[in-house]
Amino acid sequence: MFHRNMMVNAQEEAKVLYISEDDQGISHVHYERTVIGSCYKEPQGVRVLAMDTFAKDFRVN
């Protein structure tokens, strides 16, 4: 799981489902997004980001 701080009381969690390449060879991460607050956990569905953007947004090393 990867986390990204959003607002003061919320975090975004990403569960990677799989990684694929597009027609130009650019890798994309397909992930389930969930917003987590102090009293709730709200699924946001499946999202897709380019690998570089995902790594920057979720501070992946």
C-alpha atoms as a PDB file:
ATOM      1  CA  MET A   1       0.000   0.000   0.000  1.00  0.00           C
ATOM      2  CA  PHE A   2       1.117   3.529  -0.732  1.00  0.00           C
ATOM      3  CA  HIS A   3      -0.140   6.644   1.031  1.00  0.00           C
ATOM      4  CA  ARG A   4      -0.330  10.298   0.123  1.00  0.00           C
ATOM      5  CA  ASN A   5      -1.424  13.063   2.508  1.00  0.00           C
ATOM      6  CA  MET A   6      -4.336  15.033   1.093  1.00  0.00           C
ATOM      7  CA  MET A   7      -6.018  17.397   3.526  1.00  0.00           C
ATOM      8  CA  VAL A   8      -5.287  17.961   7.181  1.00  0.00           C
ATOM      9  CA  ASN A   9      -7.390  14.966   8.276  1.00  0.00           C
ATOM     10  CA  ALA A  10      -7.307  12.697   5.226  1.00  0.00           C
ATOM     11  CA  GLN A  11      -4.916  10.414   3.379  1.00  0.00           C
ATOM     12  CA  GLU A  12      -5.107   8.721   0.018  1.00  0.00           C
ATOM     13  CA  GLU A  13      -4.244   5.022  -0.103  1.00  0.00           C
ATOM     14  CA  ALA A  14      -3.284   3.239  -3.310  1.00  0.00           C
ATOM     15  CA  LYS A  15      -3.318  -0.534  -3.733  1.00  0.00           C
ATOM     16  CA  VAL A  16      -1.492  -1.412  -6.949  1.00  0.00           C
ATOM     17  CA  LEU A  17      -3.451  -3.883  -9.065  1.00  0.00           C
ATOM     18  CA  TYR A  18      -1.093  -4.191 -12.021  1.00  0.00           C
ATOM     19  CA  ILE A  19       1.299  -2.297 -14.275  1.00  0.00           C
ATOM     20  CA  SER A  20       0.949  -2.172 -18.055  1.00  0.00           C
ATOM     21  CA  GLU A  21       2.580  -0.439 -21.016  1.00  0.00           C
ATOM     22  CA  ASP A  22       0.771   1.643 -23.603  1.00  0.00           C
ATOM     23  CA  ASP A  23       1.442   1.579 -27.368  1.00  0.00           C
ATOM     24  CA  GLN A  24       4.415   3.913 -26.920  1.00  0.00           C
ATOM     25  CA  GLY A  25       6.045   1.786 -24.206  1.00  0.00           C
ATOM     26  CA  ILE A  26       5.117   4.102 -21.322  1.00  0.00           C
ATOM     27  CA  SER A  27       4.385   2.191 -18.098  1.00  0.00           C
ATOM     28  CA  HIS A  28       1.108   2.882 -16.292  1.00  0.00           C
ATOM     29  CA  VAL A  29       0.015   1.865 -12.791  1.00  0.00           C
ATOM     30  CA  HIS A  30      -3.555   0.640 -12.348  1.00  0.00           C
ATOM     31  CA  TYR A  31      -4.545   1.028  -8.701  1.00  0.00           C
ATOM     32  CA  GLU A  32      -7.473   1.082  -6.298  1.00  0.00           C
ATOM     33  CA  ARG A  33      -7.796   4.469  -4.619  1.00  0.00           C
ATOM     34  CA  THR A  34      -9.235   4.898  -1.118  1.00  0.00           C
ATOM     35  CA  VAL A  35      -9.587   8.121   0.888  1.00  0.00           C
ATOM     36  CA  ILE A  36      -9.040   7.581   4.619  1.00  0.00           C
ATOM     37  CA  GLY A  37     -10.047  10.050   7.296  1.00  0.00           C
ATOM     38  CA  SER A  38     -10.205   9.877  11.061  1.00  0.00           C
ATOM     39  CA  CYS A  39     -13.720   8.379  11.024  1.00  0.00           C
ATOM     40  CA  TYR A  40     -14.133   6.991   7.530  1.00  0.00           C
ATOM     41  CA  LYS A  41     -12.606   4.948   4.714  1.00  0.00           C
ATOM     42  CA  GLU A  42     -14.162   5.708   1.328  1.00  0.00           C
ATOM     43  CA  PRO A  43     -13.317   3.646  -1.803  1.00  0.00           C
ATOM     44  CA  GLN A  44     -12.804   5.840  -4.886  1.00  0.00           C
ATOM     45  CA  GLY A  45     -12.528   3.155  -7.557  1.00  0.00           C
ATOM     46  CA  VAL A  46      -9.752   2.116  -9.916  1.00  0.00           C
ATOM     47  CA  ARG A  47      -7.434   4.789 -11.325  1.00  0.00           C
ATOM     48  CA  VAL A  48      -4.558   4.817 -13.818  1.00  0.00           C
ATOM     49  CA  LEU A  49      -1.440   7.008 -13.720  1.00  0.00           C
ATOM     50  CA  ALA A  50       1.815   6.983 -15.626  1.00  0.00           C
ATOM     51  CA  MET A  51       4.482   5.231 -13.548  1.00  0.00           C
ATOM     52  CA  ASP A  52       6.545   8.428 -13.072  1.00  0.00           C
ATOM     53  CA  THR A  53       3.516  10.419 -11.910  1.00  0.00           C
ATOM     54  CA  PHE A  54       2.419   7.655  -9.552  1.00  0.00           C
ATOM     55  CA  ALA A  55       5.912   7.480  -8.048  1.00  0.00           C
ATOM     56  CA  LYS A  56       5.997  11.252  -7.484  1.00  0.00           C
ATOM     57  CA  ASP A  57       2.446  11.482  -6.091  1.00  0.00           C
ATOM     58  CA  PHE A  58       2.874   8.585  -3.678  1.00  0.00           C
ATOM     59  CA  ARG A  59       6.572   9.119  -2.911  1.00  0.00           C
ATOM     60  CA  VAL A  60       7.640   5.672  -4.089  1.00  0.00           C
ATOM     61  CA  ASN A  61      11.361   4.988  -3.771  1.00  0.00           C
END
